Amino acid sequence: MYHVHQYSLLLDFGLVVLIWIVQLIIYPGFTFYAKENLARWHKVYTPRITYIVLPLMVGQAAMAVYFLSQSLDSFTLSYTGLIILVWLNTFLQAVPLHTKIQHSTHGLPFANKLVTINWSRTILWNVLFILHLIQVHRLY
């Protein structure tokens, strides 16, 4: 089980690093584009970042399912709950804003809102990683 936690921690850490890059560099960078260029760049950016984010998120969710199959302890339930919250935030808030940016003639307000709502994902993924790190330290 130790190796499973190591792999899972790598996924968690990858998402933490990625979310900080997105939060501090990529999303604020959207606000510097001229309105006609933002939608054009966004159409290129979205599929590219999806190739990075989606496998990490799916891998993380798969690890949660594996942990649930092994134990229903407080760590596993908390870990899974945090992942569910991240997915809900992603698909109910972030994805619709990305769609609005892509299909808008002036996406700047949506880009600004994306920076704001993304703080919750940033916090959730950091809490999730720290929780997992504490769990691994406790187990091993």
Protein backbone atom coordinates (compact mmCIF):
# COMPACT_ATOMS: atom_id res chain seq x y z
CA MET A 1 0.00 0.00 0.00
CA TYR A 2 2.99 2.31 0.57
CA HIS A 3 3.79 2.48 -3.15
CA VAL A 4 0.18 3.28 -3.98
CA HIS A 5 0.32 6.26 -1.62
CA GLN A 6 3.60 7.37 -3.20
CA TYR A 7 2.08 7.35 -6.68
CA SER A 8 -1.01 9.07 -5.41
CA LEU A 9 1.06 11.75 -3.68
CA LEU A 10 2.84 12.39 -6.98
CA LEU A 11 -0.52 13.01 -8.65
CA ASP A 12 -1.59 15.27 -5.78
CA PHE A 13 1.67 17.21 -5.90
CA GLY A 14 1.47 17.55 -9.67
CA LEU A 15 -1.98 19.09 -9.33
CA VAL A 16 -0.80 21.44 -6.58
CA VAL A 17 2.07 22.70 -8.72
CA LEU A 18 -0.19 23.00 -11.75
CA ILE A 19 -2.95 24.86 -9.92
CA TRP A 20 -0.48 27.43 -8.56
CA ILE A 21 0.92 28.01 -12.07
CA VAL A 22 -2.62 28.40 -13.37
CA GLN A 23 -3.66 30.66 -10.49
CA LEU A 24 -0.63 32.94 -10.45
CA ILE A 25 0.44 33.00 -14.11
CA ILE A 26 -1.99 31.56 -16.66
CA TYR A 27 -5.38 32.91 -15.56
CA PRO A 28 -4.09 36.40 -14.68
CA GLY A 29 -2.30 36.35 -18.05
CA PHE A 30 -5.67 36.13 -19.77
CA THR A 31 -6.38 39.68 -18.61
CA PHE A 32 -3.50 41.05 -20.71
CA TYR A 33 -4.91 39.89 -24.03
CA ALA A 34 -6.74 42.26 -26.32
CA LYS A 35 -10.38 41.22 -26.50
CA GLU A 36 -10.07 39.88 -30.04
CA ASN A 37 -7.03 37.79 -29.14
CA LEU A 38 -8.29 36.28 -25.89
CA ALA A 39 -10.95 34.06 -27.49
CA ARG A 40 -8.51 33.04 -30.22
CA TRP A 41 -5.77 32.06 -27.74
CA HIS A 42 -8.27 30.42 -25.42
CA LYS A 43 -9.32 28.01 -28.19
CA VAL A 44 -5.70 26.89 -28.42
CA TYR A 45 -5.01 26.91 -24.66
CA THR A 46 -8.02 24.87 -23.52
CA PRO A 47 -7.32 21.59 -25.35
CA ARG A 48 -3.61 21.84 -24.54
CA ILE A 49 -4.10 22.28 -20.80
CA THR A 50 -6.76 19.55 -20.82
CA TYR A 51 -4.12 17.04 -21.97
CA ILE A 52 -2.23 17.83 -18.75
CA VAL A 53 -5.03 18.38 -16.25
CA LEU A 54 -7.50 15.64 -17.15
CA PRO A 55 -5.15 12.63 -16.75
CA LEU A 56 -3.99 13.98 -13.39
CA MET A 57 -7.55 14.54 -12.17
CA VAL A 58 -8.75 11.16 -13.42
CA GLY A 59 -5.72 9.49 -11.85
CA GLN A 60 -6.41 11.22 -8.56
CA ALA A 61 -10.05 10.15 -8.65
CA ALA A 62 -9.02 6.58 -9.48
CA MET A 63 -6.72 6.58 -6.46
CA ALA A 64 -9.61 7.76 -4.28
CA VAL A 65 -11.75 4.88 -5.56
CA TYR A 66 -8.91 2.48 -4.79
CA PHE A 67 -8.51 3.89 -1.27
CA LEU A 68 -12.28 3.59 -0.73
CA SER A 69 -12.12 -0.06 -1.79
CA GLN A 70 -9.45 -0.67 0.85
CA SER A 71 -10.84 1.29 3.79
CA LEU A 72 -13.61 3.66 4.80
CA ASP A 73 -11.55 5.55 7.37
CA SER A 74 -11.60 9.29 8.00
CA PHE A 75 -8.65 9.94 5.68
CA THR A 76 -10.22 8.11 2.74
CA LEU A 77 -13.59 9.79 3.19
CA SER A 78 -12.01 13.24 3.58
CA TYR A 79 -9.71 12.70 0.61
CA THR A 80 -12.58 11.55 -1.59
CA GLY A 81 -14.80 14.39 -0.40
CA LEU A 82 -12.16 16.97 -1.29
CA ILE A 83 -11.75 15.44 -4.75
CA ILE A 84 -15.51 15.59 -5.27
CA LEU A 85 -15.49 19.27 -4.27
CA VAL A 86 -12.67 19.99 -6.74
CA TRP A 87 -14.55 18.21 -9.54
CA LEU A 88 -17.76 20.08 -8.73
CA ASN A 89 -15.92 23.40 -8.70
CA THR A 90 -14.16 22.54 -11.95
CA PHE A 91 -17.19 21.41 -13.91
CA LEU A 92 -19.84 23.69 -12.40
CA GLN A 93 -17.83 26.91 -12.19
CA ALA A 94 -14.51 26.88 -14.08
CA VAL A 95 -15.57 25.04 -17.23
CA PRO A 96 -18.63 27.28 -17.82
CA LEU A 97 -16.41 30.35 -17.46
CA HIS A 98 -13.94 28.90 -19.95
CA THR A 99 -16.84 28.36 -22.35
CA LYS A 100 -17.93 31.97 -21.91
CA ILE A 101 -14.40 33.23 -22.57
CA GLN A 102 -14.13 31.15 -25.70
CA HIS A 103 -17.48 32.24 -27.12
CA SER A 104 -17.45 35.86 -26.02
CA THR A 105 -16.37 38.85 -28.03
CA HIS A 106 -15.13 40.37 -24.78
CA GLY A 107 -14.07 37.67 -22.33
CA LEU A 108 -12.17 39.86 -19.86
CA PRO A 109 -14.92 39.90 -17.19
CA PHE A 110 -15.08 36.10 -17.37
CA ALA A 111 -11.28 35.83 -17.16
CA ASN A 112 -11.30 38.01 -14.04
CA LYS A 113 -14.04 35.88 -12.50
CA LEU A 114 -12.03 32.74 -13.34
CA VAL A 115 -9.11 34.05 -11.27
CA THR A 116 -11.46 34.67 -8.35
CA ILE A 117 -13.32 31.35 -8.35
CA ASN A 118 -10.11 29.39 -8.92
CA TRP A 119 -8.89 30.26 -5.43
CA SER A 120 -11.24 27.62 -4.03
CA ARG A 121 -9.67 24.92 -6.24
CA THR A 122 -6.22 26.14 -5.27
CA ILE A 123 -7.07 25.85 -1.58
CA LEU A 124 -8.83 22.49 -1.96
CA TRP A 125 -5.93 20.87 -3.83
CA ASN A 126 -3.44 22.20 -1.27
CA VAL A 127 -5.50 20.90 1.65
CA LEU A 128 -5.91 17.57 -0.11
CA PHE A 129 -2.14 17.25 -0.65
CA ILE A 130 -1.31 18.21 2.95
CA LEU A 131 -3.93 15.79 4.28
CA HIS A 132 -2.43 13.01 2.18
CA LEU A 133 1.11 13.89 3.25
CA ILE A 134 0.06 13.70 6.91
CA GLN A 135 -1.64 10.35 6.29
CA VAL A 136 1.45 8.89 4.63
CA HIS A 137 3.63 10.16 7.48
CA ARG A 138 1.27 8.52 9.97
CA LEU A 139 1.20 5.21 8.12
CA TYR A 140 4.90 4.94 7.43
